[in-house]
Amino acid sequence: MGTVAVIDHPLVQHKLTLMRRKDTSTNDFRRLLNEISTLMAYDVLRDIPMHEITIDTPLETTTASVIDGKKLVFAAVLRAGAGIADGMLTVVPGARVGHIGLYRDPKTMVVVEYYFKMPPDLDERDVVIVDPLLATGFSAVAAIDRIKEYAPRSIKFMCLVACPEGIDVLHRAHPEVPVYTAGIDRELDADGFIRPGLGDVGDRVFGTA
């Protein structure tokens, strides 16, 4: 099976705990989502390609390493994935952002795509698909399927919370795609929600519940 990296830095775990609390306000939840995404970006992008450039320091000319942020794409699964992308743009402001609109039919659990927009030349870019939850895994698989049609240089999947069932579904379909998460929760319930989980992240971010 594929790789799963649990980002267990104390700051990440602290903010995840605050997000889990049902009495966390919409404003605080949104702020915490931005902060935790920024922190997780350091691990998710640990192996991002670099190249050497020549610069002038106050004392001399030297060579130093930089990333090419324009070659990086954060593919946000709507709605709440956009909040993760915003946080990651804090540390990589030059990255491009794509959007994948997916929803899960509550009766059939079938994933329906309603929007797809990516930057051009995806075959020359590294893609990080961002979605707050890896629950049933169906949306993640659908998102990866679509991104693969454009043959990017690499694909990663990042979420705040996953469950064993979702990880299994994703890696059965795409075993080479690594998963980065802040936590692996106990289980998926009969309604397709992760337990103990975060609740509906989209509703909590936008105050629609």
Protein backbone atom coordinates (compact mmCIF):
# COMPACT_ATOMS: atom_id res chain seq x y z
CA MET A 1 0.00 0.00 0.00
CA GLY A 2 1.00 3.64 -0.35
CA THR A 3 2.71 6.06 1.99
CA VAL A 4 0.87 7.89 4.77
CA ALA A 5 2.70 10.65 6.64
CA VAL A 6 1.13 11.83 9.90
CA ILE A 7 2.34 15.33 10.72
CA ASP A 8 2.58 15.15 14.49
CA HIS A 9 4.32 18.44 15.26
CA PRO A 10 2.99 19.76 18.61
CA LEU A 11 1.74 23.01 17.05
CA VAL A 12 -0.18 21.11 14.38
CA GLN A 13 -1.72 18.76 16.93
CA HIS A 14 -2.63 21.64 19.25
CA LYS A 15 -4.47 23.53 16.51
CA LEU A 16 -6.21 20.37 15.31
CA THR A 17 -7.55 19.81 18.83
CA LEU A 18 -8.93 23.36 18.94
CA MET A 19 -10.61 22.80 15.55
CA ARG A 20 -12.27 19.60 16.76
CA ARG A 21 -14.13 21.37 19.59
CA LYS A 22 -17.77 21.88 18.68
CA ASP A 23 -17.88 25.27 20.41
CA THR A 24 -15.06 26.73 18.28
CA SER A 25 -16.50 29.76 16.49
CA THR A 26 -16.61 30.11 12.72
CA ASN A 27 -14.05 32.91 12.87
CA ASP A 28 -11.66 30.88 15.03
CA PHE A 29 -12.16 27.74 12.96
CA ARG A 30 -11.33 29.64 9.76
CA ARG A 31 -8.22 31.17 11.35
CA LEU A 32 -7.06 27.81 12.69
CA LEU A 33 -7.55 26.19 9.28
CA ASN A 34 -5.28 28.80 7.75
CA GLU A 35 -2.66 28.39 10.47
CA ILE A 36 -2.58 24.58 10.48
CA SER A 37 -2.37 24.49 6.68
CA THR A 38 0.62 26.83 6.76
CA LEU A 39 2.37 24.63 9.32
CA MET A 40 1.61 21.40 7.44
CA ALA A 41 3.02 22.90 4.25
CA TYR A 42 6.54 22.63 5.65
CA ASP A 43 6.32 18.82 5.77
CA VAL A 44 4.24 18.36 2.63
CA LEU A 45 6.73 20.40 0.58
CA ARG A 46 9.86 19.03 2.20
CA ASP A 47 11.06 17.43 -1.07
CA ILE A 48 9.99 20.21 -3.45
CA PRO A 49 12.56 20.60 -6.27
CA MET A 50 15.15 23.38 -5.93
CA HIS A 51 17.67 25.01 -8.21
CA GLU A 52 20.69 27.29 -7.82
CA ILE A 53 20.72 30.99 -8.63
CA THR A 54 23.38 33.68 -8.32
CA ILE A 55 22.71 36.45 -5.81
CA ASP A 56 24.55 39.40 -4.31
CA THR A 57 24.75 39.49 -0.52
CA PRO A 58 25.92 42.68 1.24
CA LEU A 59 29.42 41.19 1.17
CA GLU A 60 29.84 39.19 -2.03
CA THR A 61 28.30 37.30 -4.94
CA THR A 62 27.34 33.71 -4.21
CA THR A 63 25.01 30.91 -5.30
CA ALA A 64 22.00 29.82 -3.27
CA SER A 65 19.02 27.47 -3.55
CA VAL A 66 15.45 28.53 -4.36
CA ILE A 67 12.21 26.81 -5.31
CA ASP A 68 10.18 27.55 -8.40
CA GLY A 69 6.81 28.26 -6.84
CA LYS A 70 5.20 28.69 -10.24
CA LYS A 71 5.75 24.98 -10.88
CA LEU A 72 3.64 24.08 -7.85
CA VAL A 73 -0.15 23.73 -7.93
CA PHE A 74 -2.48 23.53 -4.96
CA ALA A 75 -5.59 21.77 -6.27
CA ALA A 76 -8.36 22.64 -3.82
CA VAL A 77 -11.36 20.35 -3.54
CA LEU A 78 -14.33 22.69 -3.04
CA ARG A 79 -15.65 23.98 -0.77
CA ALA A 80 -13.34 23.81 2.20
CA GLY A 81 -10.19 22.83 0.34
CA ALA A 82 -9.85 26.47 -0.66
CA GLY A 83 -9.15 27.34 2.97
CA ILE A 84 -6.20 24.95 3.03
CA ALA A 85 -4.83 26.40 -0.21
CA ASP A 86 -5.00 29.89 1.27
CA GLY A 87 -2.89 28.82 4.22
CA MET A 88 -0.29 27.17 2.03
CA LEU A 89 -0.05 30.25 -0.17
CA THR A 90 1.25 32.08 2.89
CA VAL A 91 4.57 30.25 2.51
CA VAL A 92 4.51 29.69 -1.27
CA PRO A 93 2.79 32.80 -2.66
CA GLY A 94 3.98 32.06 -6.18
CA ALA A 95 2.14 28.74 -6.39
CA ARG A 96 -0.78 28.33 -8.75
CA VAL A 97 -4.21 27.27 -7.51
CA GLY A 98 -6.69 24.96 -9.22
CA HIS A 99 -10.22 24.07 -8.13
CA ILE A 100 -12.14 20.80 -8.27
CA GLY A 101 -15.83 20.98 -7.49
CA LEU A 102 -17.08 17.64 -6.15
CA TYR A 103 -19.97 16.59 -3.98
CA ARG A 104 -21.03 13.24 -2.61
CA ASP A 105 -24.62 12.18 -3.19
CA PRO A 106 -25.86 11.52 0.36
CA LYS A 107 -27.96 8.53 -0.72
CA THR A 108 -25.68 6.74 -3.18
CA MET A 109 -22.30 8.08 -1.96
CA VAL A 110 -21.44 8.54 -5.66
CA VAL A 111 -19.12 11.48 -6.35
CA VAL A 112 -20.41 14.10 -8.79
CA GLU A 113 -18.12 16.66 -10.43
CA TYR A 114 -19.59 20.11 -11.07
CA TYR A 115 -16.46 22.24 -11.65
CA PHE A 116 -12.86 21.72 -12.78
CA LYS A 117 -10.31 24.45 -13.48
CA MET A 118 -6.54 23.96 -13.41
CA PRO A 119 -3.54 26.06 -14.44
CA PRO A 120 -2.13 25.33 -17.93
CA ASP A 121 0.84 23.04 -18.63
CA LEU A 122 0.02 20.74 -15.72
CA ASP A 123 2.47 18.20 -17.11
CA GLU A 124 5.31 20.54 -16.05
CA ARG A 125 4.03 21.02 -12.49
CA ASP A 126 3.84 19.27 -9.12
CA VAL A 127 0.30 19.03 -7.73
CA VAL A 128 -0.81 18.91 -4.11
CA ILE A 129 -4.52 18.05 -3.86
CA VAL A 130 -5.94 19.61 -0.68
CA ASP A 131 -9.16 18.55 1.02
CA PRO A 132 -9.85 18.81 4.77
CA LEU A 133 -11.08 15.23 5.17
CA LEU A 134 -10.26 11.84 3.70
CA ALA A 135 -13.49 10.06 4.64
CA THR A 136 -14.93 7.54 2.19
CA GLY A 137 -12.02 8.19 -0.15
CA PHE A 138 -14.31 8.47 -3.18
CA SER A 139 -13.82 12.22 -3.66
CA ALA A 140 -10.06 11.86 -3.29
CA VAL A 141 -9.95 9.11 -5.91
CA ALA A 142 -12.13 11.15 -8.27
CA ALA A 143 -9.88 14.19 -7.84
CA ILE A 144 -6.72 12.18 -8.47
CA ASP A 145 -8.31 10.51 -11.51
CA ARG A 146 -9.00 13.91 -13.06
CA ILE A 147 -5.58 15.35 -12.26
CA LYS A 148 -3.89 12.29 -13.74
CA GLU A 149 -5.53 13.01 -17.09
CA TYR A 150 -3.03 15.89 -17.38
CA ALA A 151 0.03 13.81 -16.37
CA PRO A 152 1.62 16.17 -13.83
CA ARG A 153 5.18 15.61 -12.63
CA SER A 154 3.91 14.43 -9.24
CA ILE A 155 0.75 14.23 -7.13
CA LYS A 156 0.33 14.39 -3.35
CA PHE A 157 -2.85 14.37 -1.27
CA MET A 158 -3.10 16.50 1.86
CA CYS A 159 -5.89 16.52 4.45
CA LEU A 160 -6.38 17.48 8.07
CA VAL A 161 -7.99 14.23 9.18
CA ALA A 162 -8.22 10.81 7.54
CA CYS A 163 -9.69 7.46 8.53
CA PRO A 164 -8.48 3.93 7.76
CA GLU A 165 -11.33 3.28 5.31
CA GLY A 166 -10.57 6.36 3.23
CA ILE A 167 -6.85 5.69 3.15
CA ASP A 168 -7.52 2.15 1.99
CA VAL A 169 -9.83 3.28 -0.84
CA LEU A 170 -7.36 5.94 -2.03
CA HIS A 171 -4.35 3.65 -2.02
CA ARG A 172 -6.15 0.76 -3.69
CA ALA A 173 -6.86 3.10 -6.59
CA HIS A 174 -3.64 5.13 -6.49
CA PRO A 175 -0.98 3.37 -4.41
CA GLU A 176 1.79 5.71 -5.58
CA VAL A 177 0.11 8.88 -4.25
CA PRO A 178 1.35 9.77 -0.75
CA VAL A 179 -1.13 11.01 1.85
CA TYR A 180 -0.21 13.77 4.32
CA THR A 181 -2.51 14.26 7.29
CA ALA A 182 -2.53 15.66 10.81
CA GLY A 183 -4.47 12.69 12.18
CA ILE A 184 -5.93 9.28 11.43
CA ASP A 185 -9.23 8.93 13.29
CA ARG A 186 -10.97 5.82 14.51
CA GLU A 187 -13.55 5.03 11.85
CA LEU A 188 -16.10 6.04 9.24
CA ASP A 189 -19.70 5.91 10.44
CA ALA A 190 -22.77 4.71 8.50
CA ASP A 191 -23.44 8.25 7.23
CA GLY A 192 -19.93 8.65 5.80
CA PHE A 193 -18.60 10.92 8.57
CA ILE A 194 -15.23 10.45 10.25
CA ARG A 195 -15.38 9.79 13.99
CA PRO A 196 -14.43 11.57 16.16
CA GLY A 197 -13.65 13.89 13.25
CA LEU A 198 -14.22 17.60 12.73
CA GLY A 199 -17.85 17.62 11.56
CA ASP A 200 -18.72 19.22 8.22
CA VAL A 201 -15.65 21.39 7.59
CA GLY A 202 -17.31 23.40 4.82
CA ASP A 203 -20.18 24.37 7.11
CA ARG A 204 -17.78 25.24 9.92
CA VAL A 205 -15.57 27.39 7.68
CA PHE A 206 -18.39 29.31 6.05
CA GLY A 207 -20.91 29.34 8.92
CA THR A 208 -23.59 27.56 6.91
CA ALA A 209 -24.81 25.26 9.65
